[in-house]
């Protein structure tokens, strides 16, 4: 282990010893309290969904769509994008408008 310069002091301790409550070696997959997802419906950007708390996740969009009677669609997370696809083009415009209003109100 090499000496590390930390706030003006030399230390032989690792980062995990300096910050025992933080796993500095873990992947950076943890969610911040203000994650933002770009929401797409059949390839068209509808808006952005900001998650306001640590307990909230992007599945709240599915909850909203189910409450509005939309069940026949697929959704997935790809990075910071939430992608929704449906083959039901007869309800596509209505679904898009409901999502747009939901995302702009939240």
PDB file of N, CA and C in Angstrom:
ATOM      1  N   UNK A   1       0.851  -1.175   0.000  1.00  0.00           N
ATOM      2  CA  UNK A   1       0.000   0.000   0.000  1.00  0.00           C
ATOM      3  C   UNK A   1       0.899   1.241   0.000  1.00  0.00           C
ATOM      4  N   UNK A   2       0.583   2.186  -0.810  1.00  0.00           N
ATOM      5  CA  UNK A   2       1.389   3.404  -0.921  1.00  0.00           C
ATOM      6  C   UNK A   2       0.801   4.495  -0.057  1.00  0.00           C
ATOM      7  N   UNK A   3       1.664   5.464   0.290  1.00  0.00           N
ATOM      8  CA  UNK A   3       1.169   6.605   1.057  1.00  0.00           C
ATOM      9  C   UNK A   3       0.231   7.428   0.198  1.00  0.00           C
ATOM     10  N   UNK A   4      -0.816   7.913   0.796  1.00  0.00           N
ATOM     11  CA  UNK A   4      -1.774   8.757   0.094  1.00  0.00           C
ATOM     12  C   UNK A   4      -1.856  10.088   0.804  1.00  0.00           C
ATOM     13  N   UNK A   5      -1.953  11.150   0.040  1.00  0.00           N
ATOM     14  CA  UNK A   5      -2.064  12.489   0.601  1.00  0.00           C
ATOM     15  C   UNK A   5      -3.550  12.794   0.769  1.00  0.00           C
ATOM     16  N   UNK A   6      -3.959  13.061   1.990  1.00  0.00           N
ATOM     17  CA  UNK A   6      -5.383  13.263   2.261  1.00  0.00           C
ATOM     18  C   UNK A   6      -5.549  14.495   3.138  1.00  0.00           C
ATOM     19  N   UNK A   7      -6.093  15.543   2.593  1.00  0.00           N
ATOM     20  CA  UNK A   7      -6.343  16.799   3.303  1.00  0.00           C
ATOM     21  C   UNK A   7      -5.101  17.281   4.060  1.00  0.00           C
ATOM     22  N   UNK A   8      -3.942  17.235   3.399  1.00  0.00           N
ATOM     23  CA  UNK A   8      -2.724  17.744   3.997  1.00  0.00           C
ATOM     24  C   UNK A   8      -2.000  16.754   4.887  1.00  0.00           C
ATOM     25  N   UNK A   9      -2.522  15.548   5.036  1.00  0.00           N
ATOM     26  CA  UNK A   9      -1.886  14.538   5.874  1.00  0.00           C
ATOM     27  C   UNK A   9      -1.528  13.331   5.015  1.00  0.00           C
ATOM     28  N   UNK A  10      -0.454  12.662   5.390  1.00  0.00           N
ATOM     29  CA  UNK A  10      -0.114  11.407   4.732  1.00  0.00           C
ATOM     30  C   UNK A  10      -0.744  10.275   5.521  1.00  0.00           C
ATOM     31  N   UNK A  11      -1.240   9.315   4.810  1.00  0.00           N
ATOM     32  CA  UNK A  11      -1.894   8.206   5.483  1.00  0.00           C
ATOM     33  C   UNK A  11      -1.620   6.921   4.735  1.00  0.00           C
ATOM     34  N   UNK A  12      -1.471   5.839   5.461  1.00  0.00           N
ATOM     35  CA  UNK A  12      -1.334   4.523   4.861  1.00  0.00           C
ATOM     36  C   UNK A  12      -2.684   3.807   4.813  1.00  0.00           C
ATOM     37  N   UNK A  13      -3.728   4.499   5.197  1.00  0.00           N
ATOM     38  CA  UNK A  13      -5.050   3.877   5.217  1.00  0.00           C
ATOM     39  C   UNK A  13      -5.670   3.907   3.836  1.00  0.00           C
ATOM     40  N   UNK A  14      -6.475   2.904   3.551  1.00  0.00           N
ATOM     41  CA  UNK A  14      -7.220   2.890   2.294  1.00  0.00           C
ATOM     42  C   UNK A  14      -8.416   3.816   2.424  1.00  0.00           C
ATOM     43  N   UNK A  15      -9.067   4.108   1.281  1.00  0.00           N
ATOM     44  CA  UNK A  15     -10.252   4.962   1.325  1.00  0.00           C
ATOM     45  C   UNK A  15     -11.351   4.334   2.177  1.00  0.00           C
ATOM     46  N   UNK A  16     -11.467   2.994   2.134  1.00  0.00           N
ATOM     47  CA  UNK A  16     -12.527   2.360   2.919  1.00  0.00           C
ATOM     48  C   UNK A  16     -12.258   2.469   4.405  1.00  0.00           C
ATOM     49  N   UNK A  17     -10.990   2.587   4.809  1.00  0.00           N
ATOM     50  CA  UNK A  17     -10.684   2.798   6.220  1.00  0.00           C
ATOM     51  C   UNK A  17     -10.977   4.243   6.614  1.00  0.00           C
ATOM     52  N   UNK A  18     -10.751   5.176   5.685  1.00  0.00           N
ATOM     53  CA  UNK A  18     -11.026   6.576   5.965  1.00  0.00           C
ATOM     54  C   UNK A  18     -12.517   6.859   6.037  1.00  0.00           C
ATOM     55  N   UNK A  19     -13.279   6.164   5.199  1.00  0.00           N
ATOM     56  CA  UNK A  19     -14.720   6.350   5.119  1.00  0.00           C
ATOM     57  C   UNK A  19     -15.394   4.991   5.288  1.00  0.00           C
ATOM     58  N   UNK A  20     -15.446   4.456   6.486  1.00  0.00           N
ATOM     59  CA  UNK A  20     -15.949   3.095   6.676  1.00  0.00           C
ATOM     60  C   UNK A  20     -17.426   2.928   6.341  1.00  0.00           C
ATOM     61  N   UNK A  21     -18.179   4.003   6.314  1.00  0.00           N
ATOM     62  CA  UNK A  21     -19.607   3.923   6.028  1.00  0.00           C
ATOM     63  C   UNK A  21     -19.909   3.985   4.542  1.00  0.00           C
ATOM     64  N   UNK A  22     -18.896   4.196   3.710  1.00  0.00           N
ATOM     65  CA  UNK A  22     -19.070   4.266   2.263  1.00  0.00           C
ATOM     66  C   UNK A  22     -18.224   3.184   1.624  1.00  0.00           C
ATOM     67  N   UNK A  23     -18.833   2.368   0.788  1.00  0.00           N
ATOM     68  CA  UNK A  23     -18.099   1.334   0.075  1.00  0.00           C
ATOM     69  C   UNK A  23     -17.535   1.959  -1.192  1.00  0.00           C
ATOM     70  N   UNK A  24     -16.300   2.467  -1.103  1.00  0.00           N
ATOM     71  CA  UNK A  24     -15.713   3.181  -2.230  1.00  0.00           C
ATOM     72  C   UNK A  24     -15.306   2.242  -3.348  1.00  0.00           C
ATOM     73  N   UNK A  25     -15.271   0.945  -3.062  1.00  0.00           N
ATOM     74  CA  UNK A  25     -14.889  -0.019  -4.079  1.00  0.00           C
ATOM     75  C   UNK A  25     -16.099  -0.556  -4.833  1.00  0.00           C
ATOM     76  N   UNK A  26     -17.302  -0.251  -4.389  1.00  0.00           N
ATOM     77  CA  UNK A  26     -18.511  -0.767  -5.028  1.00  0.00           C
ATOM     78  C   UNK A  26     -18.731  -0.067  -6.360  1.00  0.00           C
ATOM     79  N   UNK A  27     -19.449  -0.740  -7.237  1.00  0.00           N
ATOM     80  CA  UNK A  27     -19.847  -0.107  -8.496  1.00  0.00           C
ATOM     81  C   UNK A  27     -20.707   1.097  -8.180  1.00  0.00           C
ATOM     82  N   UNK A  28     -20.694   2.070  -9.025  1.00  0.00           N
ATOM     83  CA  UNK A  28     -21.446   3.296  -8.787  1.00  0.00           C
ATOM     84  C   UNK A  28     -22.873   3.162  -9.305  1.00  0.00           C
ATOM     85  N   UNK A  29     -23.563   2.074  -8.918  1.00  0.00           N
ATOM     86  CA  UNK A  29     -24.922   1.819  -9.374  1.00  0.00           C
ATOM     87  C   UNK A  29     -25.980   2.423  -8.475  1.00  0.00           C
ATOM     88  N   UNK A  30     -25.559   2.970  -7.317  1.00  0.00           N
ATOM     89  CA  UNK A  30     -26.558   3.455  -6.386  1.00  0.00           C
ATOM     90  C   UNK A  30     -27.321   4.636  -6.975  1.00  0.00           C
ATOM     91  N   UNK A  31     -28.561   4.780  -6.531  1.00  0.00           N
ATOM     92  CA  UNK A  31     -29.455   5.800  -7.059  1.00  0.00           C
ATOM     93  C   UNK A  31     -29.364   7.045  -6.204  1.00  0.00           C
ATOM     94  N   UNK A  32     -29.174   8.167  -6.842  1.00  0.00           N
ATOM     95  CA  UNK A  32     -29.251   9.412  -6.092  1.00  0.00           C
ATOM     96  C   UNK A  32     -30.723   9.746  -5.909  1.00  0.00           C
ATOM     97  N   UNK A  33     -30.990  10.652  -5.010  1.00  0.00           N
ATOM     98  CA  UNK A  33     -32.396  10.979  -4.743  1.00  0.00           C
ATOM     99  C   UNK A  33     -33.021  11.795  -5.857  1.00  0.00           C
ATOM    100  N   UNK A  34     -32.237  12.214  -6.831  1.00  0.00           N
ATOM    101  CA  UNK A  34     -32.778  13.023  -7.914  1.00  0.00           C
ATOM    102  C   UNK A  34     -32.408  12.454  -9.274  1.00  0.00           C
ATOM    103  N   UNK A  35     -32.538  11.140  -9.424  1.00  0.00           N
ATOM    104  CA  UNK A  35     -32.312  10.544 -10.725  1.00  0.00           C
ATOM    105  C   UNK A  35     -33.347  11.070 -11.700  1.00  0.00           C
ATOM    106  N   UNK A  36     -32.927  11.274 -12.925  1.00  0.00           N
ATOM    107  CA  UNK A  36     -33.832  11.752 -13.975  1.00  0.00           C
ATOM    108  C   UNK A  36     -33.790  10.761 -15.124  1.00  0.00           C
ATOM    109  N   UNK A  37     -34.960  10.338 -15.561  1.00  0.00           N
ATOM    110  CA  UNK A  37     -35.081   9.427 -16.695  1.00  0.00           C
ATOM    111  C   UNK A  37     -35.760  10.151 -17.846  1.00  0.00           C
ATOM    112  N   UNK A  38     -35.225   9.969 -19.029  1.00  0.00           N
ATOM    113  CA  UNK A  38     -35.877  10.444 -20.242  1.00  0.00           C
ATOM    114  C   UNK A  38     -36.894   9.369 -20.638  1.00  0.00           C
ATOM    115  N   UNK A  39     -38.134   9.756 -20.820  1.00  0.00           N
ATOM    116  CA  UNK A  39     -39.200   8.805 -21.108  1.00  0.00           C
ATOM    117  C   UNK A  39     -39.538   8.849 -22.596  1.00  0.00           C
ATOM    118  N   UNK A  40     -39.535   7.670 -23.212  1.00  0.00           N
ATOM    119  CA  UNK A  40     -39.839   7.531 -24.634  1.00  0.00           C
ATOM    120  C   UNK A  40     -41.022   6.607 -24.815  1.00  0.00           C
ATOM    121  N   UNK A  41     -41.898   6.960 -25.739  1.00  0.00           N
ATOM    122  CA  UNK A  41     -43.023   6.119 -26.129  1.00  0.00           C
ATOM    123  C   UNK A  41     -42.888   5.828 -27.615  1.00  0.00           C
ATOM    124  N   UNK A  42     -42.685   4.580 -27.941  1.00  0.00           N
ATOM    125  CA  UNK A  42     -42.474   4.151 -29.334  1.00  0.00           C
ATOM    126  C   UNK A  42     -41.431   5.021 -30.044  1.00  0.00           C
ATOM    127  N   UNK A  43     -40.352   5.300 -29.356  1.00  0.00           N
ATOM    128  CA  UNK A  43     -39.233   6.029 -29.950  1.00  0.00           C
ATOM    129  C   UNK A  43     -39.336   7.537 -29.895  1.00  0.00           C
ATOM    130  N   UNK A  44     -40.438   8.072 -29.407  1.00  0.00           N
ATOM    131  CA  UNK A  44     -40.620   9.524 -29.329  1.00  0.00           C
ATOM    132  C   UNK A  44     -40.450   9.995 -27.892  1.00  0.00           C
ATOM    133  N   UNK A  45     -39.626  11.012 -27.702  1.00  0.00           N
ATOM    134  CA  UNK A  45     -39.403  11.557 -26.366  1.00  0.00           C
ATOM    135  C   UNK A  45     -40.672  12.247 -25.882  1.00  0.00           C
ATOM    136  N   UNK A  46     -41.128  11.824 -24.691  1.00  0.00           N
ATOM    137  CA  UNK A  46     -42.356  12.389 -24.128  1.00  0.00           C
ATOM    138  C   UNK A  46     -42.027  13.434 -23.078  1.00  0.00           C
ATOM    139  N   UNK A  47     -40.998  13.190 -22.296  1.00  0.00           N
ATOM    140  CA  UNK A  47     -40.618  14.104 -21.228  1.00  0.00           C
ATOM    141  C   UNK A  47     -39.619  13.435 -20.310  1.00  0.00           C
ATOM    142  N   UNK A  48     -39.355  14.079 -19.186  1.00  0.00           N
ATOM    143  CA  UNK A  48     -38.408  13.551 -18.208  1.00  0.00           C
ATOM    144  C   UNK A  48     -39.120  13.273 -16.903  1.00  0.00           C
ATOM    145  N   UNK A  49     -38.702  12.207 -16.250  1.00  0.00           N
ATOM    146  CA  UNK A  49     -39.249  11.857 -14.935  1.00  0.00           C
ATOM    147  C   UNK A  49     -38.136  11.972 -13.906  1.00  0.00           C
ATOM    148  N   UNK A  50     -38.299  12.916 -12.968  1.00  0.00           N
ATOM    149  CA  UNK A  50     -37.340  13.055 -11.884  1.00  0.00           C
ATOM    150  C   UNK A  50     -37.862  12.282 -10.687  1.00  0.00           C
ATOM    151  N   UNK A  51     -37.023  11.406 -10.150  1.00  0.00           N
ATOM    152  CA  UNK A  51     -37.374  10.664  -8.946  1.00  0.00           C
ATOM    153  C   UNK A  51     -36.994  11.521  -7.755  1.00  0.00           C
ATOM    154  N   UNK A  52     -37.954  11.797  -6.903  1.00  0.00           N
ATOM    155  CA  UNK A  52     -37.762  12.782  -5.843  1.00  0.00           C
ATOM    156  C   UNK A  52     -37.263  12.209  -4.526  1.00  0.00           C
ATOM    157  N   UNK A  53     -37.429  10.914  -4.315  1.00  0.00           N
ATOM    158  CA  UNK A  53     -36.981  10.311  -3.060  1.00  0.00           C
ATOM    159  C   UNK A  53     -36.189   9.049  -3.344  1.00  0.00           C
ATOM    160  N   UNK A  54     -35.452   8.568  -2.359  1.00  0.00           N
ATOM    161  CA  UNK A  54     -34.684   7.333  -2.497  1.00  0.00           C
ATOM    162  C   UNK A  54     -35.603   6.141  -2.714  1.00  0.00           C
ATOM    163  N   UNK A  55     -36.813   6.188  -2.180  1.00  0.00           N
ATOM    164  CA  UNK A  55     -37.735   5.057  -2.273  1.00  0.00           C
ATOM    165  C   UNK A  55     -38.499   5.009  -3.593  1.00  0.00           C
ATOM    166  N   UNK A  56     -38.556   6.109  -4.305  1.00  0.00           N
ATOM    167  CA  UNK A  56     -39.296   6.157  -5.559  1.00  0.00           C
ATOM    168  C   UNK A  56     -38.448   5.559  -6.669  1.00  0.00           C
ATOM    169  N   UNK A  57     -39.082   4.816  -7.543  1.00  0.00           N
ATOM    170  CA  UNK A  57     -38.370   4.343  -8.733  1.00  0.00           C
ATOM    171  C   UNK A  57     -39.234   4.586  -9.961  1.00  0.00           C
ATOM    172  N   UNK A  58     -38.645   4.327 -11.098  1.00  0.00           N
ATOM    173  CA  UNK A  58     -39.283   4.698 -12.360  1.00  0.00           C
ATOM    174  C   UNK A  58     -40.556   3.885 -12.637  1.00  0.00           C
ATOM    175  N   UNK A  59     -40.792   2.832 -11.877  1.00  0.00           N
ATOM    176  CA  UNK A  59     -42.007   2.042 -12.067  1.00  0.00           C
ATOM    177  C   UNK A  59     -43.276   2.814 -11.707  1.00  0.00           C
ATOM    178  N   UNK A  60     -43.132   3.987 -11.093  1.00  0.00           N
ATOM    179  CA  UNK A  60     -44.312   4.814 -10.817  1.00  0.00           C
ATOM    180  C   UNK A  60     -44.998   5.225 -12.122  1.00  0.00           C
ATOM    181  N   UNK A  61     -44.238   5.255 -13.200  1.00  0.00           N
ATOM    182  CA  UNK A  61     -44.837   5.560 -14.514  1.00  0.00           C
ATOM    183  C   UNK A  61     -45.785   4.434 -14.910  1.00  0.00           C
ATOM    184  N   UNK A  62     -45.370   3.188 -14.685  1.00  0.00           N
ATOM    185  CA  UNK A  62     -46.255   2.052 -14.971  1.00  0.00           C
ATOM    186  C   UNK A  62     -47.498   2.100 -14.093  1.00  0.00           C
ATOM    187  N   UNK A  63     -47.312   2.463 -12.825  1.00  0.00           N
ATOM    188  CA  UNK A  63     -48.465   2.591 -11.929  1.00  0.00           C
ATOM    189  C   UNK A  63     -49.461   3.603 -12.481  1.00  0.00           C
ATOM    190  N   UNK A  64     -48.940   4.737 -12.954  1.00  0.00           N
ATOM    191  CA  UNK A  64     -49.797   5.771 -13.526  1.00  0.00           C
ATOM    192  C   UNK A  64     -50.538   5.244 -14.761  1.00  0.00           C
ATOM    193  N   UNK A  65     -49.804   4.572 -15.654  1.00  0.00           N
ATOM    194  CA  UNK A  65     -50.432   4.058 -16.873  1.00  0.00           C
ATOM    195  C   UNK A  65     -51.494   3.007 -16.555  1.00  0.00           C
ATOM    196  N   UNK A  66     -51.229   2.146 -15.580  1.00  0.00           N
ATOM    197  CA  UNK A  66     -52.224   1.140 -15.206  1.00  0.00           C
ATOM    198  C   UNK A  66     -53.472   1.793 -14.629  1.00  0.00           C
ATOM    199  N   UNK A  67     -53.284   2.849 -13.840  1.00  0.00           N
ATOM    200  CA  UNK A  67     -54.438   3.576 -13.288  1.00  0.00           C
ATOM    201  C   UNK A  67     -55.295   4.186 -14.391  1.00  0.00           C
ATOM    202  N   UNK A  68     -54.671   4.513 -15.511  1.00  0.00           N
ATOM    203  CA  UNK A  68     -55.381   5.109 -16.641  1.00  0.00           C
ATOM    204  C   UNK A  68     -55.928   4.058 -17.612  1.00  0.00           C
ATOM    205  N   UNK A  69     -55.732   2.782 -17.282  1.00  0.00           N
ATOM    206  CA  UNK A  69     -56.301   1.705 -18.099  1.00  0.00           C
ATOM    207  C   UNK A  69     -55.385   1.167 -19.181  1.00  0.00           C
ATOM    208  N   UNK A  70     -54.141   1.569 -19.193  1.00  0.00           N
ATOM    209  CA  UNK A  70     -53.186   1.063 -20.184  1.00  0.00           C
ATOM    210  C   UNK A  70     -52.439  -0.126 -19.589  1.00  0.00           C
ATOM    211  N   UNK A  71     -52.582  -1.273 -20.243  1.00  0.00           N
ATOM    212  CA  UNK A  71     -51.928  -2.476 -19.746  1.00  0.00           C
ATOM    213  C   UNK A  71     -51.151  -3.201 -20.834  1.00  0.00           C
ATOM    214  N   UNK A  72     -51.450  -2.914 -22.064  1.00  0.00           N
ATOM    215  CA  UNK A  72     -50.873  -3.672 -23.174  1.00  0.00           C
ATOM    216  C   UNK A  72     -49.682  -2.922 -23.768  1.00  0.00           C
ATOM    217  N   UNK A  73     -48.592  -2.897 -23.030  1.00  0.00           N
ATOM    218  CA  UNK A  73     -47.367  -2.243 -23.471  1.00  0.00           C
ATOM    219  C   UNK A  73     -46.188  -2.898 -22.771  1.00  0.00           C
ATOM    220  N   UNK A  74     -45.005  -2.643 -23.255  1.00  0.00           N
ATOM    221  CA  UNK A  74     -43.773  -3.108 -22.615  1.00  0.00           C
ATOM    222  C   UNK A  74     -42.982  -1.890 -22.174  1.00  0.00           C
ATOM    223  N   UNK A  75     -42.254  -2.038 -21.076  1.00  0.00           N
ATOM    224  CA  UNK A  75     -41.408  -0.941 -20.620  1.00  0.00           C
ATOM    225  C   UNK A  75     -40.107  -1.521 -20.089  1.00  0.00           C
ATOM    226  N   UNK A  76     -39.051  -0.724 -20.242  1.00  0.00           N
ATOM    227  CA  UNK A  76     -37.739  -1.158 -19.759  1.00  0.00           C
ATOM    228  C   UNK A  76     -36.865   0.062 -19.514  1.00  0.00           C
ATOM    229  N   UNK A  77     -35.874  -0.121 -18.670  1.00  0.00           N
ATOM    230  CA  UNK A  77     -34.885   0.917 -18.388  1.00  0.00           C
ATOM    231  C   UNK A  77     -33.631   0.588 -19.170  1.00  0.00           C
ATOM    232  N   UNK A  78     -33.123   1.579 -19.881  1.00  0.00           N
ATOM    233  CA  UNK A  78     -31.838   1.470 -20.568  1.00  0.00           C
ATOM    234  C   UNK A  78     -31.028   2.702 -20.188  1.00  0.00           C
ATOM    235  N   UNK A  79     -30.126   2.521 -19.223  1.00  0.00           N
ATOM    236  CA  UNK A  79     -29.345   3.660 -18.741  1.00  0.00           C
ATOM    237  C   UNK A  79     -30.243   4.662 -18.056  1.00  0.00           C
ATOM    238  N   UNK A  80     -30.268   5.885 -18.586  1.00  0.00           N
ATOM    239  CA  UNK A  80     -31.123   6.923 -18.006  1.00  0.00           C
ATOM    240  C   UNK A  80     -32.384   7.136 -18.849  1.00  0.00           C
ATOM    241  N   UNK A  81     -32.736   6.134 -19.640  1.00  0.00           N
ATOM    242  CA  UNK A  81     -33.939   6.214 -20.466  1.00  0.00           C
ATOM    243  C   UNK A  81     -34.946   5.169 -20.023  1.00  0.00           C
ATOM    244  N   UNK A  82     -36.211   5.572 -19.993  1.00  0.00           N
ATOM    245  CA  UNK A  82     -37.305   4.655 -19.724  1.00  0.00           C
ATOM    246  C   UNK A  82     -38.078   4.528 -21.026  1.00  0.00           C
ATOM    247  N   UNK A  83     -38.037   3.346 -21.589  1.00  0.00           N
ATOM    248  CA  UNK A  83     -38.572   3.120 -22.934  1.00  0.00           C
ATOM    249  C   UNK A  83     -39.860   2.320 -22.845  1.00  0.00           C
ATOM    250  N   UNK A  84     -40.911   2.894 -23.390  1.00  0.00           N
ATOM    251  CA  UNK A  84     -42.227   2.257 -23.413  1.00  0.00           C
ATOM    252  C   UNK A  84     -42.580   1.986 -24.869  1.00  0.00           C
ATOM    253  N   UNK A  85     -42.995   0.766 -25.144  1.00  0.00           N
ATOM    254  CA  UNK A  85     -43.410   0.420 -26.509  1.00  0.00           C
ATOM    255  C   UNK A  85     -44.773  -0.255 -26.470  1.00  0.00           C
ATOM    256  N   UNK A  86     -45.557   0.038 -27.490  1.00  0.00           N
ATOM    257  CA  UNK A  86     -46.870  -0.587 -27.627  1.00  0.00           C
ATOM    258  C   UNK A  86     -47.164  -0.790 -29.111  1.00  0.00           C
ATOM    259  N   UNK A  87     -47.912  -1.837 -29.396  1.00  0.00           N
ATOM    260  CA  UNK A  87     -48.348  -2.106 -30.766  1.00  0.00           C
ATOM    261  C   UNK A  87     -49.732  -1.536 -31.035  1.00  0.00           C
ATOM    262  N   UNK A  88     -50.373  -1.007 -30.016  1.00  0.00           N
ATOM    263  CA  UNK A  88     -51.738  -0.491 -30.142  1.00  0.00           C
ATOM    264  C   UNK A  88     -51.712   0.973 -30.558  1.00  0.00           C
ATOM    265  N   UNK A  89     -51.638   1.180 -31.863  1.00  0.00           N
ATOM    266  CA  UNK A  89     -51.536   2.541 -32.387  1.00  0.00           C
ATOM    267  C   UNK A  89     -52.838   3.327 -32.227  1.00  0.00           C
ATOM    268  N   UNK A  90     -53.959   2.633 -32.025  1.00  0.00           N
ATOM    269  CA  UNK A  90     -55.230   3.343 -31.859  1.00  0.00           C
ATOM    270  C   UNK A  90     -55.264   4.156 -30.564  1.00  0.00           C
ATOM    271  N   UNK A  91     -54.507   3.766 -29.560  1.00  0.00           N
ATOM    272  CA  UNK A  91     -54.473   4.492 -28.282  1.00  0.00           C
ATOM    273  C   UNK A  91     -53.150   5.233 -28.087  1.00  0.00           C
ATOM    274  N   UNK A  92     -52.295   5.230 -29.076  1.00  0.00           N
ATOM    275  CA  UNK A  92     -50.958   5.791 -28.947  1.00  0.00           C
ATOM    276  C   UNK A  92     -50.994   7.294 -28.642  1.00  0.00           C
ATOM    277  N   UNK A  93     -51.768   8.054 -29.383  1.00  0.00           N
ATOM    278  CA  UNK A  93     -51.838   9.501 -29.172  1.00  0.00           C
ATOM    279  C   UNK A  93     -52.372   9.812 -27.766  1.00  0.00           C
ATOM    280  N   UNK A  94     -53.427   9.119 -27.374  1.00  0.00           N
ATOM    281  CA  UNK A  94     -54.021   9.322 -26.052  1.00  0.00           C
ATOM    282  C   UNK A  94     -53.017   8.971 -24.944  1.00  0.00           C
ATOM    283  N   UNK A  95     -52.304   7.869 -25.118  1.00  0.00           N
ATOM    284  CA  UNK A  95     -51.302   7.444 -24.139  1.00  0.00           C
ATOM    285  C   UNK A  95     -50.164   8.464 -24.050  1.00  0.00           C
ATOM    286  N   UNK A  96     -49.743   8.961 -25.203  1.00  0.00           N
ATOM    287  CA  UNK A  96     -48.685   9.969 -25.262  1.00  0.00           C
ATOM    288  C   UNK A  96     -49.108  11.230 -24.502  1.00  0.00           C
ATOM    289  N   UNK A  97     -50.325  11.684 -24.730  1.00  0.00           N
ATOM    290  CA  UNK A  97     -50.814  12.896 -24.066  1.00  0.00           C
ATOM    291  C   UNK A  97     -50.934  12.705 -22.558  1.00  0.00           C
ATOM    292  N   UNK A  98     -51.421  11.545 -22.132  1.00  0.00           N
ATOM    293  CA  UNK A  98     -51.507  11.268 -20.700  1.00  0.00           C
ATOM    294  C   UNK A  98     -50.121  11.259 -20.061  1.00  0.00           C
ATOM    295  N   UNK A  99     -49.173  10.630 -20.711  1.00  0.00           N
ATOM    296  CA  UNK A  99     -47.797  10.615 -20.201  1.00  0.00           C
ATOM    297  C   UNK A  99     -47.202  12.018 -20.168  1.00  0.00           C
ATOM    298  N   UNK A 100     -47.424  12.778 -21.226  1.00  0.00           N
ATOM    299  CA  UNK A 100     -46.878  14.134 -21.304  1.00  0.00           C
ATOM    300  C   UNK A 100     -47.374  14.995 -20.151  1.00  0.00           C
ATOM    301  N   UNK A 101     -48.677  14.943 -19.914  1.00  0.00           N
ATOM    302  CA  UNK A 101     -49.260  15.724 -18.820  1.00  0.00           C
ATOM    303  C   UNK A 101     -48.720  15.237 -17.484  1.00  0.00           C
ATOM    304  N   UNK A 102     -48.657  13.932 -17.273  1.00  0.00           N
ATOM    305  CA  UNK A 102     -48.138  13.367 -16.026  1.00  0.00           C
ATOM    306  C   UNK A 102     -46.700  13.802 -15.771  1.00  0.00           C
ATOM    307  N   UNK A 103     -45.855  13.730 -16.784  1.00  0.00           N
ATOM    308  CA  UNK A 103     -44.448  14.058 -16.617  1.00  0.00           C
ATOM    309  C   UNK A 103     -44.223  15.548 -16.392  1.00  0.00           C
ATOM    310  N   UNK A 104     -45.082  16.380 -16.955  1.00  0.00           N
ATOM    311  CA  UNK A 104     -44.919  17.826 -16.767  1.00  0.00           C
ATOM    312  C   UNK A 104     -45.511  18.317 -15.454  1.00  0.00           C
ATOM    313  N   UNK A 105     -46.417  17.553 -14.883  1.00  0.00           N
ATOM    314  CA  UNK A 105     -47.029  17.950 -13.609  1.00  0.00           C
ATOM    315  C   UNK A 105     -46.186  17.494 -12.423  1.00  0.00           C
ATOM    316  N   UNK A 106     -45.358  16.500 -12.594  1.00  0.00           N
ATOM    317  CA  UNK A 106     -44.598  15.929 -11.472  1.00  0.00           C
ATOM    318  C   UNK A 106     -43.234  16.518 -11.384  1.00  0.00           C
TER     319      UNK A 106
END
